[in-house]
């Protein structure tokens, strides 16, 4: 049997990560890497995989867009009635993964998810392009649709109803904030001996324990 993946193999040679040079605060380290990714990645460096687990204990993962981060957490937006919303309602533990191929880097985060304030959700909703507001307002996210025409018809009805007025933000649409308890920064290295630096949240004084992991 031929191996179609043998031709895709590559060596990682674009950088190194040393435990003595990383920031004491993982958010600062993420900020530095994110700024570099924003200058290097050709498309949406804020795209990340969100993993959740619902009542059936089946892990589920999908791509979302990071819309803000600071020491309080990492923010993304969604329909609270979607599959991810229902899973987070049952189990508010989740994980995010960023992968920046141009830099041969990834960042993993694990933590607790909470909803952002209604004011923050509304502020972001109305900062979006108007067509995106319509899309969020009309979508019964994750529900079964009979056809594409059903979606288009619902969008047309909402446009007719709203006309030039403000698009109504649904109460079930808004933001989530993942409050990290663990970070891992991964830098690809030759021979698969990758650099992996882990941060584990410490006590209430906002300290972090930093360790190097075997690849």
C-alpha atoms as a PDB file:
ATOM      1  CA  UNK A   1       0.000   0.000   0.000  1.00  0.00           C
ATOM      2  CA  UNK A   2       1.389   3.406  -0.932  1.00  0.00           C
ATOM      3  CA  UNK A   3       1.794   6.009   1.768  1.00  0.00           C
ATOM      4  CA  UNK A   4       0.206   9.280   0.575  1.00  0.00           C
ATOM      5  CA  UNK A   5       1.490  11.091   3.655  1.00  0.00           C
ATOM      6  CA  UNK A   6       5.187  10.393   3.158  1.00  0.00           C
ATOM      7  CA  UNK A   7       5.441  13.296   0.719  1.00  0.00           C
ATOM      8  CA  UNK A   8       3.904  15.695   3.224  1.00  0.00           C
ATOM      9  CA  UNK A   9       6.484  15.080   5.935  1.00  0.00           C
ATOM     10  CA  UNK A  10       8.634  18.097   6.798  1.00  0.00           C
ATOM     11  CA  UNK A  11      11.155  19.138   9.385  1.00  0.00           C
ATOM     12  CA  UNK A  12      10.316  22.039  11.690  1.00  0.00           C
ATOM     13  CA  UNK A  13      13.132  24.555  11.614  1.00  0.00           C
ATOM     14  CA  UNK A  14      11.639  27.997  12.158  1.00  0.00           C
ATOM     15  CA  UNK A  15      12.252  28.564  15.840  1.00  0.00           C
ATOM     16  CA  UNK A  16      12.972  27.410  19.359  1.00  0.00           C
ATOM     17  CA  UNK A  17      11.347  27.988  22.740  1.00  0.00           C
ATOM     18  CA  UNK A  18      13.352  28.064  25.948  1.00  0.00           C
ATOM     19  CA  UNK A  19      11.848  28.036  29.414  1.00  0.00           C
ATOM     20  CA  UNK A  20      14.226  30.771  30.545  1.00  0.00           C
ATOM     21  CA  UNK A  21      13.010  33.191  27.875  1.00  0.00           C
ATOM     22  CA  UNK A  22       9.226  32.871  28.118  1.00  0.00           C
ATOM     23  CA  UNK A  23       7.084  35.475  29.871  1.00  0.00           C
ATOM     24  CA  UNK A  24       6.121  34.893  33.504  1.00  0.00           C
ATOM     25  CA  UNK A  25       2.471  35.441  32.556  1.00  0.00           C
ATOM     26  CA  UNK A  26       1.139  33.128  29.824  1.00  0.00           C
ATOM     27  CA  UNK A  27      -1.219  35.829  28.523  1.00  0.00           C
ATOM     28  CA  UNK A  28       1.818  38.007  27.808  1.00  0.00           C
ATOM     29  CA  UNK A  29       3.466  35.079  26.040  1.00  0.00           C
ATOM     30  CA  UNK A  30       0.307  34.494  24.008  1.00  0.00           C
ATOM     31  CA  UNK A  31       0.130  38.186  23.099  1.00  0.00           C
ATOM     32  CA  UNK A  32       3.685  38.127  21.753  1.00  0.00           C
ATOM     33  CA  UNK A  33       3.022  35.012  19.686  1.00  0.00           C
ATOM     34  CA  UNK A  34      -0.362  36.269  18.481  1.00  0.00           C
ATOM     35  CA  UNK A  35       1.176  39.520  17.231  1.00  0.00           C
ATOM     36  CA  UNK A  36       3.753  37.521  15.277  1.00  0.00           C
ATOM     37  CA  UNK A  37       1.044  35.229  13.893  1.00  0.00           C
ATOM     38  CA  UNK A  38      -1.042  38.233  12.854  1.00  0.00           C
ATOM     39  CA  UNK A  39       1.879  39.413  10.718  1.00  0.00           C
ATOM     40  CA  UNK A  40       2.612  35.952   9.324  1.00  0.00           C
ATOM     41  CA  UNK A  41      -0.596  33.946   8.916  1.00  0.00           C
ATOM     42  CA  UNK A  42      -2.352  34.548   5.579  1.00  0.00           C
ATOM     43  CA  UNK A  43      -5.871  34.020   6.925  1.00  0.00           C
ATOM     44  CA  UNK A  44      -7.528  34.566  10.309  1.00  0.00           C
ATOM     45  CA  UNK A  45      -4.786  34.031  12.896  1.00  0.00           C
ATOM     46  CA  UNK A  46      -7.554  34.278  15.520  1.00  0.00           C
ATOM     47  CA  UNK A  47      -9.137  31.021  14.316  1.00  0.00           C
ATOM     48  CA  UNK A  48      -9.002  28.289  16.950  1.00  0.00           C
ATOM     49  CA  UNK A  49     -10.497  24.882  17.656  1.00  0.00           C
ATOM     50  CA  UNK A  50     -12.937  24.773  20.580  1.00  0.00           C
ATOM     51  CA  UNK A  51     -13.444  21.385  22.280  1.00  0.00           C
ATOM     52  CA  UNK A  52     -16.443  20.725  24.525  1.00  0.00           C
ATOM     53  CA  UNK A  53     -18.177  17.722  26.103  1.00  0.00           C
ATOM     54  CA  UNK A  54     -21.943  17.422  26.566  1.00  0.00           C
ATOM     55  CA  UNK A  55     -24.312  15.110  28.408  1.00  0.00           C
ATOM     56  CA  UNK A  56     -23.470  12.145  26.170  1.00  0.00           C
ATOM     57  CA  UNK A  57     -19.777  12.540  27.158  1.00  0.00           C
ATOM     58  CA  UNK A  58     -18.849  12.564  23.457  1.00  0.00           C
ATOM     59  CA  UNK A  59     -16.109  15.147  22.820  1.00  0.00           C
ATOM     60  CA  UNK A  60     -16.994  17.671  20.136  1.00  0.00           C
ATOM     61  CA  UNK A  61     -14.721  20.156  18.392  1.00  0.00           C
ATOM     62  CA  UNK A  62     -15.213  22.991  15.899  1.00  0.00           C
ATOM     63  CA  UNK A  63     -13.468  26.146  14.742  1.00  0.00           C
ATOM     64  CA  UNK A  64     -14.390  29.493  16.295  1.00  0.00           C
ATOM     65  CA  UNK A  65     -12.900  32.978  16.077  1.00  0.00           C
ATOM     66  CA  UNK A  66     -11.231  34.581  19.067  1.00  0.00           C
ATOM     67  CA  UNK A  67     -12.615  38.101  19.490  1.00  0.00           C
ATOM     68  CA  UNK A  68     -10.641  39.333  22.475  1.00  0.00           C
ATOM     69  CA  UNK A  69      -8.286  38.279  25.243  1.00  0.00           C
ATOM     70  CA  UNK A  70      -6.692  39.663  28.375  1.00  0.00           C
ATOM     71  CA  UNK A  71      -5.870  38.430  31.862  1.00  0.00           C
ATOM     72  CA  UNK A  72      -9.559  37.765  32.501  1.00  0.00           C
ATOM     73  CA  UNK A  73      -9.851  35.246  29.672  1.00  0.00           C
ATOM     74  CA  UNK A  74     -10.341  34.500  25.972  1.00  0.00           C
ATOM     75  CA  UNK A  75     -13.614  35.589  24.332  1.00  0.00           C
ATOM     76  CA  UNK A  76     -15.633  34.114  21.460  1.00  0.00           C
ATOM     77  CA  UNK A  77     -19.290  34.485  20.447  1.00  0.00           C
ATOM     78  CA  UNK A  78     -22.036  32.061  19.534  1.00  0.00           C
ATOM     79  CA  UNK A  79     -25.695  31.140  19.747  1.00  0.00           C
ATOM     80  CA  UNK A  80     -26.364  29.893  23.289  1.00  0.00           C
ATOM     81  CA  UNK A  81     -28.855  27.369  21.872  1.00  0.00           C
ATOM     82  CA  UNK A  82     -26.302  25.831  19.487  1.00  0.00           C
ATOM     83  CA  UNK A  83     -24.690  22.453  20.064  1.00  0.00           C
ATOM     84  CA  UNK A  84     -21.675  24.087  21.701  1.00  0.00           C
ATOM     85  CA  UNK A  85     -23.971  26.266  23.808  1.00  0.00           C
ATOM     86  CA  UNK A  86     -25.894  23.266  25.108  1.00  0.00           C
ATOM     87  CA  UNK A  87     -22.678  21.398  25.847  1.00  0.00           C
ATOM     88  CA  UNK A  88     -21.215  24.361  27.730  1.00  0.00           C
ATOM     89  CA  UNK A  89     -24.433  24.674  29.708  1.00  0.00           C
ATOM     90  CA  UNK A  90     -24.004  21.083  30.856  1.00  0.00           C
ATOM     91  CA  UNK A  91     -20.230  21.184  31.313  1.00  0.00           C
ATOM     92  CA  UNK A  92     -18.423  24.501  31.406  1.00  0.00           C
ATOM     93  CA  UNK A  93     -14.953  22.977  31.046  1.00  0.00           C
ATOM     94  CA  UNK A  94     -13.480  23.433  27.573  1.00  0.00           C
ATOM     95  CA  UNK A  95     -10.260  23.723  25.586  1.00  0.00           C
ATOM     96  CA  UNK A  96      -8.962  25.929  22.775  1.00  0.00           C
ATOM     97  CA  UNK A  97      -6.164  25.198  20.303  1.00  0.00           C
ATOM     98  CA  UNK A  98      -4.493  27.724  17.998  1.00  0.00           C
ATOM     99  CA  UNK A  99      -2.264  26.447  15.167  1.00  0.00           C
ATOM    100  CA  UNK A 100      -0.062  28.808  13.179  1.00  0.00           C
ATOM    101  CA  UNK A 101       1.554  26.776  10.405  1.00  0.00           C
ATOM    102  CA  UNK A 102       3.602  29.703   9.108  1.00  0.00           C
ATOM    103  CA  UNK A 103       5.445  29.820  12.447  1.00  0.00           C
ATOM    104  CA  UNK A 104       5.321  26.081  13.214  1.00  0.00           C
ATOM    105  CA  UNK A 105       3.575  26.870  16.485  1.00  0.00           C
ATOM    106  CA  UNK A 106       0.491  25.922  18.441  1.00  0.00           C
ATOM    107  CA  UNK A 107      -1.012  27.064  21.723  1.00  0.00           C
ATOM    108  CA  UNK A 108      -3.361  24.968  23.847  1.00  0.00           C
ATOM    109  CA  UNK A 109      -5.593  26.368  26.598  1.00  0.00           C
ATOM    110  CA  UNK A 110      -7.823  24.546  29.070  1.00  0.00           C
ATOM    111  CA  UNK A 111     -10.162  26.159  31.548  1.00  0.00           C
ATOM    112  CA  UNK A 112     -13.621  27.175  32.694  1.00  0.00           C
ATOM    113  CA  UNK A 113     -16.095  28.920  30.385  1.00  0.00           C
ATOM    114  CA  UNK A 114     -18.497  31.637  31.507  1.00  0.00           C
ATOM    115  CA  UNK A 115     -20.838  33.944  29.632  1.00  0.00           C
ATOM    116  CA  UNK A 116     -19.739  37.519  29.123  1.00  0.00           C
ATOM    117  CA  UNK A 117     -22.063  40.306  30.265  1.00  0.00           C
ATOM    118  CA  UNK A 118     -25.153  41.202  28.248  1.00  0.00           C
ATOM    119  CA  UNK A 119     -23.669  44.644  27.648  1.00  0.00           C
ATOM    120  CA  UNK A 120     -20.471  43.160  26.215  1.00  0.00           C
ATOM    121  CA  UNK A 121     -22.460  40.835  23.949  1.00  0.00           C
ATOM    122  CA  UNK A 122     -24.624  43.678  22.687  1.00  0.00           C
ATOM    123  CA  UNK A 123     -21.641  45.934  22.106  1.00  0.00           C
ATOM    124  CA  UNK A 124     -19.926  43.295  19.989  1.00  0.00           C
ATOM    125  CA  UNK A 125     -23.134  42.367  18.113  1.00  0.00           C
ATOM    126  CA  UNK A 126     -23.615  45.922  16.881  1.00  0.00           C
ATOM    127  CA  UNK A 127     -19.940  46.290  15.965  1.00  0.00           C
ATOM    128  CA  UNK A 128     -20.353  43.540  13.363  1.00  0.00           C
ATOM    129  CA  UNK A 129     -21.252  44.210   9.705  1.00  0.00           C
ATOM    130  CA  UNK A 130     -25.003  44.603   9.320  1.00  0.00           C
ATOM    131  CA  UNK A 131     -25.327  41.472   7.181  1.00  0.00           C
ATOM    132  CA  UNK A 132     -23.572  39.467   9.921  1.00  0.00           C
ATOM    133  CA  UNK A 133     -26.070  40.855  12.422  1.00  0.00           C
ATOM    134  CA  UNK A 134     -28.907  39.581  10.241  1.00  0.00           C
ATOM    135  CA  UNK A 135     -27.224  36.206   9.943  1.00  0.00           C
ATOM    136  CA  UNK A 136     -26.848  35.808  13.705  1.00  0.00           C
ATOM    137  CA  UNK A 137     -30.391  37.023  14.350  1.00  0.00           C
ATOM    138  CA  UNK A 138     -32.033  34.638  11.897  1.00  0.00           C
ATOM    139  CA  UNK A 139     -30.014  31.457  12.460  1.00  0.00           C
ATOM    140  CA  UNK A 140     -31.398  28.569  14.504  1.00  0.00           C
ATOM    141  CA  UNK A 141     -27.814  27.388  14.843  1.00  0.00           C
ATOM    142  CA  UNK A 142     -27.233  23.612  14.844  1.00  0.00           C
ATOM    143  CA  UNK A 143     -30.913  22.813  14.209  1.00  0.00           C
ATOM    144  CA  UNK A 144     -31.897  20.760  11.154  1.00  0.00           C
ATOM    145  CA  UNK A 145     -32.786  22.849   8.075  1.00  0.00           C
ATOM    146  CA  UNK A 146     -34.999  21.389   5.349  1.00  0.00           C
ATOM    147  CA  UNK A 147     -33.101  23.219   2.608  1.00  0.00           C
ATOM    148  CA  UNK A 148     -30.896  26.197   1.810  1.00  0.00           C
ATOM    149  CA  UNK A 149     -34.060  27.916   0.609  1.00  0.00           C
ATOM    150  CA  UNK A 150     -35.445  27.795   4.151  1.00  0.00           C
ATOM    151  CA  UNK A 151     -32.431  29.798   5.356  1.00  0.00           C
ATOM    152  CA  UNK A 152     -32.660  32.305   2.511  1.00  0.00           C
ATOM    153  CA  UNK A 153     -36.400  32.792   3.027  1.00  0.00           C
ATOM    154  CA  UNK A 154     -35.943  33.388   6.755  1.00  0.00           C
ATOM    155  CA  UNK A 155     -33.242  35.962   6.022  1.00  0.00           C
ATOM    156  CA  UNK A 156     -35.461  37.728   3.484  1.00  0.00           C
ATOM    157  CA  UNK A 157     -38.378  37.890   5.936  1.00  0.00           C
ATOM    158  CA  UNK A 158     -36.204  39.383   8.651  1.00  0.00           C
ATOM    159  CA  UNK A 159     -34.827  41.998   6.241  1.00  0.00           C
ATOM    160  CA  UNK A 160     -38.367  42.926   5.216  1.00  0.00           C
ATOM    161  CA  UNK A 161     -39.460  43.245   8.833  1.00  0.00           C
ATOM    162  CA  UNK A 162     -36.479  45.306   9.952  1.00  0.00           C
ATOM    163  CA  UNK A 163     -36.103  47.512   6.873  1.00  0.00           C
ATOM    164  CA  UNK A 164     -33.703  50.302   7.902  1.00  0.00           C
ATOM    165  CA  UNK A 165     -34.164  49.793  11.628  1.00  0.00           C
ATOM    166  CA  UNK A 166     -31.804  48.199  14.122  1.00  0.00           C
ATOM    167  CA  UNK A 167     -31.354  44.461  13.767  1.00  0.00           C
ATOM    168  CA  UNK A 168     -32.727  42.843  16.944  1.00  0.00           C
ATOM    169  CA  UNK A 169     -30.037  40.933  18.838  1.00  0.00           C
ATOM    170  CA  UNK A 170     -31.489  37.618  20.032  1.00  0.00           C
ATOM    171  CA  UNK A 171     -31.340  37.085  23.793  1.00  0.00           C
ATOM    172  CA  UNK A 172     -29.837  33.655  23.096  1.00  0.00           C
ATOM    173  CA  UNK A 173     -26.840  35.064  21.201  1.00  0.00           C
ATOM    174  CA  UNK A 174     -23.748  36.328  22.963  1.00  0.00           C
ATOM    175  CA  UNK A 175     -20.242  35.838  24.180  1.00  0.00           C
ATOM    176  CA  UNK A 176     -18.309  33.275  26.175  1.00  0.00           C
ATOM    177  CA  UNK A 177     -15.075  33.769  28.059  1.00  0.00           C
ATOM    178  CA  UNK A 178     -12.709  30.854  28.617  1.00  0.00           C
ATOM    179  CA  UNK A 179     -10.775  31.491  31.842  1.00  0.00           C
ATOM    180  CA  UNK A 180      -7.580  29.451  31.405  1.00  0.00           C
ATOM    181  CA  UNK A 181      -6.193  27.173  34.091  1.00  0.00           C
ATOM    182  CA  UNK A 182      -3.545  25.663  31.817  1.00  0.00           C
ATOM    183  CA  UNK A 183      -1.575  26.841  28.790  1.00  0.00           C
ATOM    184  CA  UNK A 184       0.824  24.949  26.567  1.00  0.00           C
ATOM    185  CA  UNK A 185       3.089  26.671  24.030  1.00  0.00           C
ATOM    186  CA  UNK A 186       4.447  24.342  21.335  1.00  0.00           C
ATOM    187  CA  UNK A 187       7.249  25.180  18.942  1.00  0.00           C
ATOM    188  CA  UNK A 188       8.052  22.662  16.238  1.00  0.00           C
ATOM    189  CA  UNK A 189      11.673  21.419  16.205  1.00  0.00           C
ATOM    190  CA  UNK A 190      13.739  19.074  14.093  1.00  0.00           C
ATOM    191  CA  UNK A 191      13.435  15.299  14.520  1.00  0.00           C
ATOM    192  CA  UNK A 192      10.088  15.815  16.267  1.00  0.00           C
ATOM    193  CA  UNK A 193      11.905  16.919  19.435  1.00  0.00           C
ATOM    194  CA  UNK A 194       9.513  19.815  19.815  1.00  0.00           C
ATOM    195  CA  UNK A 195       9.714  22.477  22.515  1.00  0.00           C
ATOM    196  CA  UNK A 196       6.701  22.369  24.840  1.00  0.00           C
ATOM    197  CA  UNK A 197       6.333  24.858  27.686  1.00  0.00           C
ATOM    198  CA  UNK A 198       3.397  24.428  30.057  1.00  0.00           C
ATOM    199  CA  UNK A 199       1.854  26.945  32.454  1.00  0.00           C
ATOM    200  CA  UNK A 200      -0.360  25.714  35.310  1.00  0.00           C
ATOM    201  CA  UNK A 201      -2.434  28.195  37.296  1.00  0.00           C
ATOM    202  CA  UNK A 202      -1.264  28.516  40.892  1.00  0.00           C
ATOM    203  CA  UNK A 203      -2.910  30.020  43.928  1.00  0.00           C
ATOM    204  CA  UNK A 204      -5.121  33.093  44.187  1.00  0.00           C
ATOM    205  CA  UNK A 205      -2.087  35.369  43.765  1.00  0.00           C
ATOM    206  CA  UNK A 206      -2.266  34.821  39.975  1.00  0.00           C
ATOM    207  CA  UNK A 207       1.044  32.952  39.912  1.00  0.00           C
ATOM    208  CA  UNK A 208       1.817  30.328  37.277  1.00  0.00           C
ATOM    209  CA  UNK A 209       4.013  27.248  37.486  1.00  0.00           C
ATOM    210  CA  UNK A 210       6.097  26.857  34.338  1.00  0.00           C
ATOM    211  CA  UNK A 211       7.460  23.492  33.181  1.00  0.00           C
ATOM    212  CA  UNK A 212       9.106  22.040  30.113  1.00  0.00           C
ATOM    213  CA  UNK A 213       7.358  18.928  28.776  1.00  0.00           C
ATOM    214  CA  UNK A 214       8.832  16.060  26.843  1.00  0.00           C
ATOM    215  CA  UNK A 215       7.755  16.234  23.178  1.00  0.00           C
END
